[in-house]
Amino acid sequence: MSENKNILLVDDETDIALAFSLGLESYGFLVDAYTSSIKALANFKSDFYKLALLDIKIPEMDGIALYEKIREKDKKIKICFISAYDVDYHIVKEYSECIIKKPITIEDLVKKINTEMQEKD
């Protein structure tokens, strides 16, 4: 059985979603990218993704609310929050230890994702 390298990416900034998708795909990840949390949730596939990258500040449904909806559907998926803003890390860490600060290079993003995917299997 091959290693699951499926990633769900949700970021309302089209250029970031595209850059992250293309960058991660160049490292062998399979990325489903969305700029809408509502569309991402509507198309979410349980037991398909190994990891989700969720922007915290996103219109419609913020990253934490999306996290909670995804958790109802899939208890095993690893979730990392991404944000360009200062966030209350104490609140966010209640949900996930993985917080990625933008901007970030693709190389550093890949390192962080690989670390998260290997932990807690």
Protein backbone atom coordinates (compact mmCIF):
# COMPACT_ATOMS: atom_id res chain seq x y z
CA MET A 1 0.00 0.00 0.00
CA SER A 2 1.42 3.38 -0.98
CA GLU A 3 1.95 6.18 1.49
CA ASN A 4 -0.94 8.62 1.68
CA LYS A 5 0.28 12.01 0.47
CA ASN A 6 -3.18 13.56 -0.02
CA ILE A 7 -3.51 17.08 1.34
CA LEU A 8 -6.54 19.32 1.71
CA LEU A 9 -5.59 23.00 1.43
CA VAL A 10 -8.01 25.81 2.27
CA ASP A 11 -6.83 29.41 1.89
CA ASP A 12 -9.02 32.26 0.70
CA GLU A 13 -6.10 33.94 -1.08
CA THR A 14 -6.08 32.47 -4.59
CA ASP A 15 -2.39 33.20 -5.20
CA ILE A 16 -1.33 31.48 -1.97
CA ALA A 17 -3.57 28.47 -2.62
CA LEU A 18 -2.12 28.14 -6.12
CA ALA A 19 1.51 28.64 -5.03
CA PHE A 20 1.20 26.15 -2.17
CA SER A 21 -0.58 23.61 -4.41
CA LEU A 22 1.97 23.78 -7.20
CA GLY A 23 4.88 23.76 -4.77
CA LEU A 24 3.59 20.79 -2.79
CA GLU A 25 2.70 18.87 -5.95
CA SER A 26 6.28 19.35 -7.18
CA TYR A 27 7.32 17.41 -4.03
CA GLY A 28 4.95 14.55 -4.80
CA PHE A 29 1.93 15.53 -2.72
CA LEU A 30 -1.59 15.30 -4.12
CA VAL A 31 -3.36 18.54 -3.24
CA ASP A 32 -7.04 19.46 -3.32
CA ALA A 33 -7.03 23.25 -2.91
CA TYR A 34 -10.01 25.44 -2.14
CA THR A 35 -10.43 29.17 -1.61
CA SER A 36 -13.81 28.59 0.07
CA SER A 37 -14.20 26.73 3.35
CA ILE A 38 -17.82 25.94 2.43
CA LYS A 39 -16.77 24.29 -0.86
CA ALA A 40 -13.92 22.47 0.84
CA LEU A 41 -16.30 21.01 3.42
CA ALA A 42 -18.89 20.09 0.77
CA ASN A 43 -16.23 18.16 -1.17
CA PHE A 44 -14.42 16.69 1.85
CA LYS A 45 -13.68 12.96 1.61
CA SER A 46 -13.35 11.10 4.92
CA ASP A 47 -10.34 8.79 5.24
CA PHE A 48 -8.85 10.23 2.05
CA TYR A 49 -6.58 13.02 3.26
CA LYS A 50 -3.55 12.51 5.46
CA LEU A 51 -3.31 16.22 6.34
CA ALA A 52 -5.28 19.44 6.04
CA LEU A 53 -3.82 22.94 5.86
CA LEU A 54 -6.47 25.38 7.02
CA ASP A 55 -6.19 29.16 6.92
CA ILE A 56 -7.44 30.52 10.23
CA LYS A 57 -8.92 33.79 8.99
CA ILE A 58 -11.14 32.86 6.09
CA PRO A 59 -14.55 34.31 5.17
CA GLU A 60 -17.73 32.21 5.40
CA MET A 61 -16.38 29.78 7.98
CA ASP A 62 -13.09 30.38 9.76
CA GLY A 63 -10.42 27.72 10.08
CA ILE A 64 -11.38 26.70 13.59
CA ALA A 65 -15.04 26.17 12.64
CA LEU A 66 -13.90 24.23 9.56
CA TYR A 67 -11.58 22.16 11.77
CA GLU A 68 -14.53 21.20 13.98
CA LYS A 69 -16.68 20.19 10.97
CA ILE A 70 -13.84 18.13 9.48
CA ARG A 71 -13.23 16.41 12.84
CA GLU A 72 -16.89 15.30 12.87
CA LYS A 73 -16.27 13.51 9.57
CA ASP A 74 -12.68 12.27 10.06
CA LYS A 75 -11.00 11.73 13.43
CA LYS A 76 -7.64 10.60 11.97
CA ILE A 77 -6.71 13.48 9.65
CA LYS A 78 -3.84 15.66 10.83
CA ILE A 79 -4.62 19.35 10.72
CA CYS A 80 -2.29 22.33 10.55
CA PHE A 81 -3.49 25.90 10.80
CA ILE A 82 -1.86 28.49 8.56
CA SER A 83 -2.00 32.23 9.12
CA ALA A 84 -0.27 35.43 8.10
CA TYR A 85 -1.73 37.17 11.14
CA ASP A 86 -0.85 37.09 14.78
CA VAL A 87 -3.19 34.61 16.38
CA ASP A 88 -3.95 33.65 19.93
CA TYR A 89 -1.81 30.52 19.96
CA HIS A 90 -3.26 29.36 23.29
CA ILE A 91 -6.71 29.11 21.72
CA VAL A 92 -5.48 27.59 18.47
CA LYS A 93 -3.31 25.02 20.28
CA GLU A 94 -6.46 23.64 21.91
CA TYR A 95 -7.23 22.29 18.44
CA SER A 96 -3.85 21.59 16.87
CA GLU A 97 -0.20 21.80 17.82
CA CYS A 98 0.63 22.50 14.19
CA ILE A 99 0.58 26.19 13.38
CA ILE A 100 2.33 27.46 10.25
CA LYS A 101 3.10 31.16 9.93
CA LYS A 102 2.91 32.73 6.47
CA PRO A 103 4.97 33.69 4.61
CA ILE A 104 6.82 30.39 4.39
CA THR A 105 9.01 28.89 1.69
CA ILE A 106 7.79 25.75 -0.04
CA GLU A 107 10.87 23.92 1.25
CA ASP A 108 10.05 24.82 4.87
CA LEU A 109 6.38 23.99 4.32
CA VAL A 110 7.33 20.56 2.97
CA LYS A 111 9.60 19.93 5.98
CA LYS A 112 6.80 20.86 8.38
CA ILE A 113 4.26 18.71 6.53
CA ASN A 114 6.60 15.72 6.40
CA THR A 115 7.22 16.05 10.14
CA GLU A 116 3.49 16.22 10.88
CA MET A 117 2.70 13.27 8.61
CA GLN A 118 5.29 11.09 10.35
CA GLU A 119 4.19 11.99 13.88
CA LYS A 120 1.31 10.30 15.69
CA ASP A 121 0.66 7.63 13.07
